C-alpha atoms as a PDB file:
ATOM      1  CA  MET A   1      29.422 119.841  11.955  1.00  0.00           C
ATOM      2  CA  LEU A   2      26.624 119.354  14.475  1.00  0.00           C
ATOM      3  CA  ALA A   3      27.054 115.597  14.183  1.00  0.00           C
ATOM      4  CA  LEU A   4      30.801 115.975  14.698  1.00  0.00           C
ATOM      5  CA  PHE A   5      30.182 118.117  17.746  1.00  0.00           C
ATOM      6  CA  ARG A   6      27.802 115.571  19.270  1.00  0.00           C
ATOM      7  CA  ARG A   7      30.314 112.792  18.681  1.00  0.00           C
ATOM      8  CA  ALA A   8      33.203 114.854  20.056  1.00  0.00           C
ATOM      9  CA  LEU A   9      31.227 115.967  23.101  1.00  0.00           C
ATOM     10  CA  ARG A  10      30.323 112.413  23.923  1.00  0.00           C
ATOM     11  CA  ALA A  11      33.737 110.983  23.114  1.00  0.00           C
ATOM     12  CA  ALA A  12      35.602 113.532  25.207  1.00  0.00           C
ATOM     13  CA  ALA A  13      33.424 113.010  28.266  1.00  0.00           C
ATOM     14  CA  LEU A  14      33.360 109.254  27.691  1.00  0.00           C
ATOM     15  CA  ALA A  15      37.145 109.251  27.632  1.00  0.00           C
ATOM     16  CA  LEU A  16      37.070 110.716  31.113  1.00  0.00           C
ATOM     17  CA  ALA A  17      34.128 108.673  32.330  1.00  0.00           C
ATOM     18  CA  THR A  18      35.465 105.310  31.214  1.00  0.00           C
ATOM     19  CA  LEU A  19      38.626 105.760  33.188  1.00  0.00           C
ATOM     20  CA  SER A  20      36.612 103.572  35.493  1.00  0.00           C
ATOM     21  CA  PRO A  21      33.006 102.446  35.658  1.00  0.00           C
ATOM     22  CA  SER A  22      33.066 103.978  39.124  1.00  0.00           C
ATOM     23  CA  LEU A  23      32.335 107.342  37.557  1.00  0.00           C
ATOM     24  CA  ALA A  24      29.065 105.911  36.345  1.00  0.00           C
ATOM     25  CA  SER A  25      28.156 103.472  39.074  1.00  0.00           C
ATOM     26  CA  GLY A  26      29.898 104.988  42.051  1.00  0.00           C
ATOM     27  CA  GLN A  27      31.749 101.704  42.544  1.00  0.00           C
ATOM     28  CA  ALA A  28      35.482 101.192  42.386  1.00  0.00           C
ATOM     29  CA  ALA A  29      36.765  98.564  39.998  1.00  0.00           C
ATOM     30  CA  PRO A  30      38.400  95.741  41.958  1.00  0.00           C
ATOM     31  CA  ALA A  31      42.113  95.240  41.689  1.00  0.00           C
ATOM     32  CA  ALA A  32      42.846  92.138  39.664  1.00  0.00           C
ATOM     33  CA  ARG A  33      45.610  90.289  37.917  1.00  0.00           C
ATOM     34  CA  PRO A  34      45.515  90.395  34.119  1.00  0.00           C
ATOM     35  CA  ALA A  35      42.798  87.990  33.065  1.00  0.00           C
ATOM     36  CA  PRO A  36      43.891  84.807  31.334  1.00  0.00           C
ATOM     37  CA  ALA A  37      42.827  84.183  27.778  1.00  0.00           C
ATOM     38  CA  THR A  38      39.103  83.506  27.608  1.00  0.00           C
ATOM     39  CA  PRO A  39      38.292  80.093  26.170  1.00  0.00           C
ATOM     40  CA  GLY A  40      36.828  80.437  22.711  1.00  0.00           C
ATOM     41  CA  VAL A  41      37.954  84.070  22.362  1.00  0.00           C
ATOM     42  CA  LYS A  42      40.457  84.586  19.566  1.00  0.00           C
ATOM     43  CA  THR A  43      43.503  86.623  20.535  1.00  0.00           C
ATOM     44  CA  VAL A  44      44.041  89.627  18.271  1.00  0.00           C
ATOM     45  CA  ASP A  45      47.368  91.442  18.181  1.00  0.00           C
ATOM     46  CA  ALA A  46      47.398  95.166  18.931  1.00  0.00           C
ATOM     47  CA  ASP A  47      50.309  97.582  18.771  1.00  0.00           C
ATOM     48  CA  PRO A  48      49.175 100.885  20.340  1.00  0.00           C
ATOM     49  CA  ALA A  49      51.297 104.007  20.071  1.00  0.00           C
ATOM     50  CA  LEU A  50      54.030 104.556  22.645  1.00  0.00           C
ATOM     51  CA  TRP A  51      56.251 107.612  23.089  1.00  0.00           C
ATOM     52  CA  VAL A  52      59.319 108.313  25.209  1.00  0.00           C
ATOM     53  CA  VAL A  53      60.820 111.471  26.721  1.00  0.00           C
ATOM     54  CA  LYS A  54      64.399 111.335  27.964  1.00  0.00           C
ATOM     55  CA  ASP A  55      67.178 113.339  29.493  1.00  0.00           C
ATOM     56  CA  LYS A  56      70.518 112.181  30.887  1.00  0.00           C
ATOM     57  CA  ASP A  57      69.087 110.378  33.932  1.00  0.00           C
ATOM     58  CA  THR A  58      65.312 110.175  33.420  1.00  0.00           C
ATOM     59  CA  THR A  59      63.141 108.175  31.016  1.00  0.00           C
ATOM     60  CA  ILE A  60      59.391 108.746  30.784  1.00  0.00           C
ATOM     61  CA  TYR A  61      57.208 106.544  28.590  1.00  0.00           C
ATOM     62  CA  LEU A  62      53.826 107.885  27.405  1.00  0.00           C
ATOM     63  CA  PHE A  63      51.210 105.267  26.603  1.00  0.00           C
ATOM     64  CA  GLY A  64      47.715 106.090  25.372  1.00  0.00           C
ATOM     65  CA  THR A  65      44.901 103.823  26.540  1.00  0.00           C
ATOM     66  CA  ILE A  66      41.342 102.909  25.672  1.00  0.00           C
ATOM     67  CA  HIS A  67      39.862 102.535  29.129  1.00  0.00           C
ATOM     68  CA  VAL A  68      37.537  99.604  28.398  1.00  0.00           C
ATOM     69  CA  LEU A  69      38.349  96.837  25.929  1.00  0.00           C
ATOM     70  CA  LYS A  70      36.938  93.519  24.848  1.00  0.00           C
ATOM     71  CA  PRO A  71      38.770  90.387  26.036  1.00  0.00           C
ATOM     72  CA  GLY A  72      41.237  88.877  23.605  1.00  0.00           C
ATOM     73  CA  LEU A  73      43.102  92.002  22.472  1.00  0.00           C
ATOM     74  CA  SER A  74      46.820  91.381  22.964  1.00  0.00           C
ATOM     75  CA  TRP A  75      48.518  94.732  23.649  1.00  0.00           C
ATOM     76  CA  PHE A  76      50.530  94.155  26.843  1.00  0.00           C
ATOM     77  CA  ASP A  77      53.522  92.665  25.070  1.00  0.00           C
ATOM     78  CA  ASP A  78      56.359  93.659  22.753  1.00  0.00           C
ATOM     79  CA  GLY A  79      57.406  97.299  23.142  1.00  0.00           C
ATOM     80  CA  VAL A  80      54.717  98.199  25.676  1.00  0.00           C
ATOM     81  CA  LYS A  81      55.678  95.365  28.034  1.00  0.00           C
ATOM     82  CA  LYS A  82      59.373  96.100  27.611  1.00  0.00           C
ATOM     83  CA  ALA A  83      58.861  99.762  28.530  1.00  0.00           C
ATOM     84  CA  PHE A  84      56.661  98.866  31.488  1.00  0.00           C
ATOM     85  CA  ASP A  85      59.127  96.283  32.802  1.00  0.00           C
ATOM     86  CA  ALA A  86      61.935  98.845  32.617  1.00  0.00           C
ATOM     87  CA  SER A  87      59.946 101.383  34.654  1.00  0.00           C
ATOM     88  CA  ASP A  88      60.060 101.921  38.394  1.00  0.00           C
ATOM     89  CA  GLU A  89      56.788 103.803  38.599  1.00  0.00           C
ATOM     90  CA  LEU A  90      53.330 103.640  36.983  1.00  0.00           C
ATOM     91  CA  VAL A  91      51.441 106.928  36.663  1.00  0.00           C
ATOM     92  CA  LEU A  92      47.746 106.928  35.723  1.00  0.00           C
ATOM     93  CA  GLU A  93      45.188 109.669  35.297  1.00  0.00           C
ATOM     94  CA  MET A  94      43.785 108.642  38.678  1.00  0.00           C
ATOM     95  CA  VAL A  95      44.431 105.938  41.248  1.00  0.00           C
ATOM     96  CA  GLN A  96      41.232 104.187  42.263  1.00  0.00           C
ATOM     97  CA  PRO A  97      40.235 104.588  45.920  1.00  0.00           C
ATOM     98  CA  ASP A  98      38.275 101.912  47.762  1.00  0.00           C
ATOM     99  CA  GLN A  99      34.669 101.305  46.766  1.00  0.00           C
ATOM    100  CA  ALA A 100      33.037 103.153  49.653  1.00  0.00           C
ATOM    101  CA  THR A 101      35.186 106.237  49.141  1.00  0.00           C
ATOM    102  CA  MET A 102      34.494 106.337  45.417  1.00  0.00           C
ATOM    103  CA  GLN A 103      30.761 105.911  45.956  1.00  0.00           C
ATOM    104  CA  ASN A 104      30.710 108.826  48.372  1.00  0.00           C
ATOM    105  CA  ILE A 105      32.626 111.074  45.975  1.00  0.00           C
ATOM    106  CA  VAL A 106      30.430 110.243  42.989  1.00  0.00           C
ATOM    107  CA  LEU A 107      27.079 110.312  44.731  1.00  0.00           C
ATOM    108  CA  SER A 108      27.836 113.582  46.514  1.00  0.00           C
ATOM    109  CA  LYS A 109      27.899 115.247  43.074  1.00  0.00           C
ATOM    110  CA  ALA A 110      25.447 113.074  41.151  1.00  0.00           C
ATOM    111  CA  TYR A 111      22.093 114.010  42.665  1.00  0.00           C
ATOM    112  CA  SER A 112      20.244 117.146  43.680  1.00  0.00           C
ATOM    113  CA  LEU A 113      16.820 117.235  45.301  1.00  0.00           C
ATOM    114  CA  ASN A 114      16.295 120.832  44.235  1.00  0.00           C
ATOM    115  CA  GLY A 115      14.631 121.904  41.012  1.00  0.00           C
ATOM    116  CA  PRO A 116      12.655 120.009  38.360  1.00  0.00           C
ATOM    117  CA  ILE A 117      13.180 116.337  37.608  1.00  0.00           C
ATOM    118  CA  LEU A 118      15.433 115.355  34.720  1.00  0.00           C
ATOM    119  CA  THR A 119      12.718 114.653  32.158  1.00  0.00           C
ATOM    120  CA  GLU A 120      11.379 118.180  32.687  1.00  0.00           C
ATOM    121  CA  ARG A 121      14.856 119.635  32.115  1.00  0.00           C
ATOM    122  CA  LEU A 122      15.264 117.821  28.803  1.00  0.00           C
ATOM    123  CA  PRO A 123      13.837 119.340  25.604  1.00  0.00           C
ATOM    124  CA  GLU A 124      10.474 117.761  24.895  1.00  0.00           C
ATOM    125  CA  ALA A 125      11.764 116.204  21.651  1.00  0.00           C
ATOM    126  CA  ASP A 126      14.447 114.299  23.559  1.00  0.00           C
ATOM    127  CA  ARG A 127      12.221 112.835  26.246  1.00  0.00           C
ATOM    128  CA  PRO A 128      11.087 109.776  24.244  1.00  0.00           C
ATOM    129  CA  LEU A 129      14.742 109.005  23.391  1.00  0.00           C
ATOM    130  CA  TYR A 130      15.613 109.204  27.062  1.00  0.00           C
ATOM    131  CA  LEU A 131      12.756 106.956  28.177  1.00  0.00           C
ATOM    132  CA  ASN A 132      13.535 104.420  25.439  1.00  0.00           C
ATOM    133  CA  ALA A 133      17.218 104.360  26.417  1.00  0.00           C
ATOM    134  CA  MET A 134      16.367 103.787  30.058  1.00  0.00           C
ATOM    135  CA  SER A 135      13.940 101.018  29.172  1.00  0.00           C
ATOM    136  CA  SER A 136      16.446  99.271  26.880  1.00  0.00           C
ATOM    137  CA  LEU A 137      18.974  99.196  29.727  1.00  0.00           C
ATOM    138  CA  GLY A 138      16.453  98.021  32.299  1.00  0.00           C
ATOM    139  CA  ILE A 139      16.692 101.185  34.403  1.00  0.00           C
ATOM    140  CA  PRO A 140      13.483 102.586  35.934  1.00  0.00           C
ATOM    141  CA  PRO A 141      13.127 106.176  34.676  1.00  0.00           C
ATOM    142  CA  ALA A 142      12.434 107.438  38.186  1.00  0.00           C
ATOM    143  CA  ALA A 143      15.903 106.261  39.270  1.00  0.00           C
ATOM    144  CA  PHE A 144      17.448 109.328  37.642  1.00  0.00           C
ATOM    145  CA  ASP A 145      14.712 111.863  38.312  1.00  0.00           C
ATOM    146  CA  HIS A 146      16.996 113.933  40.538  1.00  0.00           C
ATOM    147  CA  ALA A 147      20.312 112.980  38.926  1.00  0.00           C
ATOM    148  CA  GLN A 148      22.584 115.522  37.305  1.00  0.00           C
ATOM    149  CA  PRO A 149      22.794 115.254  33.488  1.00  0.00           C
ATOM    150  CA  TRP A 150      26.531 114.396  33.515  1.00  0.00           C
ATOM    151  CA  PHE A 151      25.860 111.362  35.711  1.00  0.00           C
ATOM    152  CA  VAL A 152      23.020 110.083  33.537  1.00  0.00           C
ATOM    153  CA  ALA A 153      24.996 110.668  30.337  1.00  0.00           C
ATOM    154  CA  THR A 154      27.951 108.802  31.789  1.00  0.00           C
ATOM    155  CA  ASN A 155      25.780 105.809  32.646  1.00  0.00           C
ATOM    156  CA  LEU A 156      24.104 105.836  29.242  1.00  0.00           C
ATOM    157  CA  SER A 157      27.521 106.030  27.554  1.00  0.00           C
ATOM    158  CA  LEU A 158      29.143 103.240  29.532  1.00  0.00           C
ATOM    159  CA  LEU A 159      26.415 100.663  30.103  1.00  0.00           C
ATOM    160  CA  PRO A 160      25.809  99.946  26.376  1.00  0.00           C
ATOM    161  CA  LEU A 161      29.538  99.305  26.003  1.00  0.00           C
ATOM    162  CA  MET A 162      29.343  96.735  28.775  1.00  0.00           C
ATOM    163  CA  LYS A 163      26.466  95.048  26.943  1.00  0.00           C
ATOM    164  CA  LEU A 164      28.617  94.950  23.797  1.00  0.00           C
ATOM    165  CA  GLY A 165      31.333  93.064  25.666  1.00  0.00           C
ATOM    166  CA  TYR A 166      33.667  95.924  26.551  1.00  0.00           C
ATOM    167  CA  ASP A 167      35.065  95.300  30.004  1.00  0.00           C
ATOM    168  CA  PRO A 168      37.118  97.510  32.329  1.00  0.00           C
ATOM    169  CA  LYS A 169      38.861  94.357  33.599  1.00  0.00           C
ATOM    170  CA  SER A 170      40.389  94.066  30.125  1.00  0.00           C
ATOM    171  CA  GLY A 171      41.254  97.759  30.047  1.00  0.00           C
ATOM    172  CA  PRO A 172      44.898  98.863  30.256  1.00  0.00           C
ATOM    173  CA  GLU A 173      44.520 100.696  33.574  1.00  0.00           C
ATOM    174  CA  THR A 174      43.313  97.552  35.334  1.00  0.00           C
ATOM    175  CA  VAL A 175      45.938  95.342  33.701  1.00  0.00           C
ATOM    176  CA  LEU A 176      48.788  97.778  34.334  1.00  0.00           C
ATOM    177  CA  THR A 177      47.763  98.414  37.946  1.00  0.00           C
ATOM    178  CA  ALA A 178      47.607  94.696  38.641  1.00  0.00           C
ATOM    179  CA  ALA A 179      51.035  94.150  37.094  1.00  0.00           C
ATOM    180  CA  ALA A 180      52.516  97.108  38.990  1.00  0.00           C
ATOM    181  CA  THR A 181      51.082  95.823  42.264  1.00  0.00           C
ATOM    182  CA  THR A 182      52.491  92.349  41.652  1.00  0.00           C
ATOM    183  CA  GLU A 183      55.910  93.776  40.812  1.00  0.00           C
ATOM    184  CA  LYS A 184      55.778  96.242  43.724  1.00  0.00           C
ATOM    185  CA  LYS A 185      56.112  99.302  41.506  1.00  0.00           C
ATOM    186  CA  THR A 186      54.987 102.687  42.782  1.00  0.00           C
ATOM    187  CA  VAL A 187      51.533 103.664  41.443  1.00  0.00           C
ATOM    188  CA  ALA A 188      50.562 107.345  41.367  1.00  0.00           C
ATOM    189  CA  GLY A 189      47.878 109.547  39.812  1.00  0.00           C
ATOM    190  CA  LEU A 190      48.075 112.796  37.884  1.00  0.00           C
ATOM    191  CA  GLU A 191      44.698 113.749  39.352  1.00  0.00           C
ATOM    192  CA  THR A 192      42.567 112.881  42.367  1.00  0.00           C
ATOM    193  CA  PRO A 193      39.155 111.186  42.278  1.00  0.00           C
ATOM    194  CA  GLU A 194      37.601 114.466  43.448  1.00  0.00           C
ATOM    195  CA  GLN A 195      39.151 116.276  40.496  1.00  0.00           C
ATOM    196  CA  GLN A 196      37.993 113.616  38.036  1.00  0.00           C
ATOM    197  CA  ILE A 197      34.391 113.875  39.198  1.00  0.00           C
ATOM    198  CA  GLY A 198      34.645 117.639  39.434  1.00  0.00           C
ATOM    199  CA  TYR A 199      35.464 118.049  35.749  1.00  0.00           C
ATOM    200  CA  LEU A 200      32.088 116.584  34.804  1.00  0.00           C
ATOM    201  CA  ALA A 201      30.029 117.825  37.742  1.00  0.00           C
ATOM    202  CA  GLY A 202      31.451 121.319  37.315  1.00  0.00           C
ATOM    203  CA  LEU A 203      30.311 121.696  33.721  1.00  0.00           C
ATOM    204  CA  PRO A 204      27.565 124.319  33.297  1.00  0.00           C
ATOM    205  CA  ASP A 205      24.060 122.897  33.231  1.00  0.00           C
ATOM    206  CA  LYS A 206      23.693 123.772  29.553  1.00  0.00           C
ATOM    207  CA  VAL A 207      26.799 121.793  28.621  1.00  0.00           C
ATOM    208  CA  GLN A 208      25.739 118.847  30.799  1.00  0.00           C
ATOM    209  CA  LEU A 209      22.380 118.747  29.027  1.00  0.00           C
ATOM    210  CA  GLN A 210      24.155 118.911  25.646  1.00  0.00           C
ATOM    211  CA  PHE A 211      26.245 115.939  26.748  1.00  0.00           C
ATOM    212  CA  LEU A 212      23.126 113.976  27.667  1.00  0.00           C
ATOM    213  CA  GLU A 213      21.271 114.974  24.499  1.00  0.00           C
ATOM    214  CA  SER A 214      24.258 113.985  22.334  1.00  0.00           C
ATOM    215  CA  THR A 215      24.520 110.661  24.144  1.00  0.00           C
ATOM    216  CA  LEU A 216      20.867 109.889  23.487  1.00  0.00           C
ATOM    217  CA  LYS A 217      21.146 110.783  19.793  1.00  0.00           C
ATOM    218  CA  ASP A 218      24.316 108.761  19.277  1.00  0.00           C
ATOM    219  CA  LEU A 219      23.365 105.612  21.192  1.00  0.00           C
ATOM    220  CA  PRO A 220      22.568 103.723  17.954  1.00  0.00           C
ATOM    221  CA  LYS A 221      26.168 104.397  16.825  1.00  0.00           C
ATOM    222  CA  THR A 222      27.801 103.222  20.049  1.00  0.00           C
ATOM    223  CA  ALA A 223      29.239 100.024  18.569  1.00  0.00           C
ATOM    224  CA  GLU A 224      30.428 101.694  15.364  1.00  0.00           C
ATOM    225  CA  THR A 225      32.120 104.588  17.174  1.00  0.00           C
ATOM    226  CA  MET A 226      33.807 102.500  19.856  1.00  0.00           C
ATOM    227  CA  ASP A 227      34.943  99.828  17.430  1.00  0.00           C
ATOM    228  CA  GLY A 228      36.459 102.545  15.237  1.00  0.00           C
ATOM    229  CA  MET A 229      38.306 104.071  18.179  1.00  0.00           C
ATOM    230  CA  VAL A 230      39.674 100.697  19.280  1.00  0.00           C
ATOM    231  CA  SER A 231      40.730  99.843  15.728  1.00  0.00           C
ATOM    232  CA  ALA A 232      42.691 103.106  15.382  1.00  0.00           C
ATOM    233  CA  TRP A 233      44.252 102.552  18.808  1.00  0.00           C
ATOM    234  CA  SER A 234      45.173  98.936  18.062  1.00  0.00           C
ATOM    235  CA  ARG A 235      47.043  99.800  14.895  1.00  0.00           C
ATOM    236  CA  GLY A 236      48.883 102.685  16.560  1.00  0.00           C
ATOM    237  CA  ASP A 237      47.254 105.421  14.478  1.00  0.00           C
ATOM    238  CA  PRO A 238      46.966 108.517  16.689  1.00  0.00           C
ATOM    239  CA  ASP A 239      45.826 110.734  13.808  1.00  0.00           C
ATOM    240  CA  ALA A 240      42.828 108.512  13.113  1.00  0.00           C
ATOM    241  CA  LEU A 241      42.093 108.275  16.818  1.00  0.00           C
ATOM    242  CA  ALA A 242      42.201 112.070  17.109  1.00  0.00           C
ATOM    243  CA  LYS A 243      39.395 112.326  14.574  1.00  0.00           C
ATOM    244  CA  TYR A 244      37.172 110.230  16.823  1.00  0.00           C
ATOM    245  CA  MET A 245      38.178 111.997  20.007  1.00  0.00           C
ATOM    246  CA  ASN A 246      38.687 115.624  19.132  1.00  0.00           C
ATOM    247  CA  ASP A 247      36.897 116.634  15.917  1.00  0.00           C
ATOM    248  CA  GLY A 248      34.326 119.355  16.502  1.00  0.00           C
ATOM    249  CA  LEU A 249      35.502 120.326  19.970  1.00  0.00           C
ATOM    250  CA  ASP A 250      36.043 123.891  18.761  1.00  0.00           C
ATOM    251  CA  ASP A 251      32.248 124.162  18.782  1.00  0.00           C
ATOM    252  CA  SER A 252      32.333 123.795  22.562  1.00  0.00           C
ATOM    253  CA  PRO A 253      35.394 125.752  23.757  1.00  0.00           C
ATOM    254  CA  GLU A 254      34.497 125.348  27.429  1.00  0.00           C
ATOM    255  CA  LEU A 255      34.205 121.590  27.160  1.00  0.00           C
ATOM    256  CA  ALA A 256      37.436 121.276  25.186  1.00  0.00           C
ATOM    257  CA  LYS A 257      39.275 123.499  27.649  1.00  0.00           C
ATOM    258  CA  THR A 258      38.020 121.638  30.731  1.00  0.00           C
ATOM    259  CA  LEU A 259      38.251 118.021  29.615  1.00  0.00           C
ATOM    260  CA  LEU A 260      41.231 118.132  27.280  1.00  0.00           C
ATOM    261  CA  PHE A 261      43.401 121.185  26.797  1.00  0.00           C
ATOM    262  CA  ASP A 262      43.860 122.382  30.380  1.00  0.00           C
ATOM    263  CA  ARG A 263      44.536 118.866  31.580  1.00  0.00           C
ATOM    264  CA  ASN A 264      47.006 118.227  28.762  1.00  0.00           C
ATOM    265  CA  ALA A 265      48.897 121.392  29.669  1.00  0.00           C
ATOM    266  CA  ARG A 266      49.045 120.462  33.367  1.00  0.00           C
ATOM    267  CA  TRP A 267      50.274 116.958  32.571  1.00  0.00           C
ATOM    268  CA  ALA A 268      52.994 118.341  30.288  1.00  0.00           C
ATOM    269  CA  GLN A 269      54.162 120.554  33.136  1.00  0.00           C
ATOM    270  CA  TRP A 270      54.164 117.506  35.428  1.00  0.00           C
ATOM    271  CA  ILE A 271      56.356 115.634  32.945  1.00  0.00           C
ATOM    272  CA  LYS A 272      58.710 118.593  32.684  1.00  0.00           C
ATOM    273  CA  ALA A 273      59.078 118.699  36.470  1.00  0.00           C
ATOM    274  CA  ARG A 274      59.491 114.913  36.685  1.00  0.00           C
ATOM    275  CA  LEU A 275      62.482 115.082  34.347  1.00  0.00           C
ATOM    276  CA  ASP A 276      64.362 116.746  37.189  1.00  0.00           C
ATOM    277  CA  LYS A 277      64.210 113.504  39.174  1.00  0.00           C
ATOM    278  CA  PRO A 278      66.164 110.417  38.038  1.00  0.00           C
ATOM    279  CA  GLY A 279      64.317 107.196  37.224  1.00  0.00           C
ATOM    280  CA  THR A 280      62.069 105.522  34.676  1.00  0.00           C
ATOM    281  CA  VAL A 281      58.336 106.215  34.627  1.00  0.00           C
ATOM    282  CA  PHE A 282      55.495 104.636  32.638  1.00  0.00           C
ATOM    283  CA  ILE A 283      52.575 107.062  32.180  1.00  0.00           C
ATOM    284  CA  ALA A 284      49.265 105.685  30.910  1.00  0.00           C
ATOM    285  CA  VAL A 285      46.495 108.153  30.050  1.00  0.00           C
ATOM    286  CA  GLY A 286      43.564 108.180  27.656  1.00  0.00           C
ATOM    287  CA  ALA A 287      44.840 107.993  24.085  1.00  0.00           C
ATOM    288  CA  GLY A 288      42.870 111.091  23.105  1.00  0.00           C
ATOM    289  CA  HIS A 289      45.211 113.140  25.293  1.00  0.00           C
ATOM    290  CA  LEU A 290      48.190 112.090  23.185  1.00  0.00           C
ATOM    291  CA  ALA A 291      46.615 112.788  19.793  1.00  0.00           C
ATOM    292  CA  GLY A 292      45.513 115.845  17.897  1.00  0.00           C
ATOM    293  CA  ASP A 293      45.842 119.577  18.466  1.00  0.00           C
ATOM    294  CA  LYS A 294      47.012 120.739  21.923  1.00  0.00           C
ATOM    295  CA  SER A 295      47.717 117.164  22.970  1.00  0.00           C
ATOM    296  CA  VAL A 296      50.237 116.375  25.689  1.00  0.00           C
ATOM    297  CA  ILE A 297      52.736 115.755  22.884  1.00  0.00           C
ATOM    298  CA  ASP A 298      52.069 119.261  21.498  1.00  0.00           C
ATOM    299  CA  GLN A 299      52.255 120.825  24.946  1.00  0.00           C
ATOM    300  CA  LEU A 300      55.626 119.172  25.576  1.00  0.00           C
ATOM    301  CA  LYS A 301      56.901 120.512  22.249  1.00  0.00           C
ATOM    302  CA  ALA A 302      55.903 124.015  23.354  1.00  0.00           C
ATOM    303  CA  LEU A 303      58.023 123.429  26.466  1.00  0.00           C
ATOM    304  CA  LYS A 304      60.966 122.458  24.221  1.00  0.00           C
ATOM    305  CA  ILE A 305      60.642 118.805  25.227  1.00  0.00           C
ATOM    306  CA  LYS A 306      60.622 116.236  22.440  1.00  0.00           C
ATOM    307  CA  ALA A 307      58.493 113.107  22.751  1.00  0.00           C
ATOM    308  CA  LYS A 308      59.796 110.443  20.383  1.00  0.00           C
ATOM    309  CA  ARG A 309      57.570 107.680  19.035  1.00  0.00           C
ATOM    310  CA  VAL A 310      58.876 104.273  20.083  1.00  0.00           C
ATOM    311  CA  ALA A 311      59.193 101.861  17.181  1.00  0.00           C
ATOM    312  CA  TYR A 312      58.361  98.264  18.017  1.00  0.00           C
END
């Protein structure tokens, strides 16, 4: 169970952090058109899960994303593309601000000059793991001496994925935003950048350190875990994806409440309210929010709103 908890702790925070590398680097991902096929990269078909909520004059599609993907995964087609093309509005977890604004938001929460340096805050047994991780990524250990644990854990979760070839430019949020911009669709966010950062920065110090410790222990499994998540997502298997994202979260009720359950409940209420306004909306949020116990799908059911899986 401890191993499950470490994986769930890291996966839940990573799901939030990889909404954009800006949460790790303080830089906003540039807007871009969907990248063309990379020469020499084989295109692999993917059919992620898609749901729809309807009333007499409103249609809301719910699409679960993996925020960073490797090039060559073909998902923006078939049913997903059809639903997107039919929509007037794209709604994401967060709309990226400009680079300077995002840097200011992140860095205002990422460092503190008060108290002991990070290596002194870590348990002694974890310090060699931390130093080895920093060295393997080419980061001077002193760079994070006064960083908050959530910020360091986010960097150490995301940067190895980048080395493995996962790229936010291939991620659904970037692709969908570019397409929406080109087609002059409205783009809105369920949360603000300040809220996104606040979820991590507001975690108690003990939970932040658990996040960092779990990240360090699970770094050797980064490829295996991420590849498994992407495989479950690609074949449209939310139950399998839920096992990666949510198993063991009961061991950290505060983390589960902050990063998943409370947000899921708020988003379900947003969807309920949005049904009062005519139109067609395409919502794209992390796939972990649409799978497992107390997911957005479950929260909608509690509100007597049925989300139907779209067959395609």
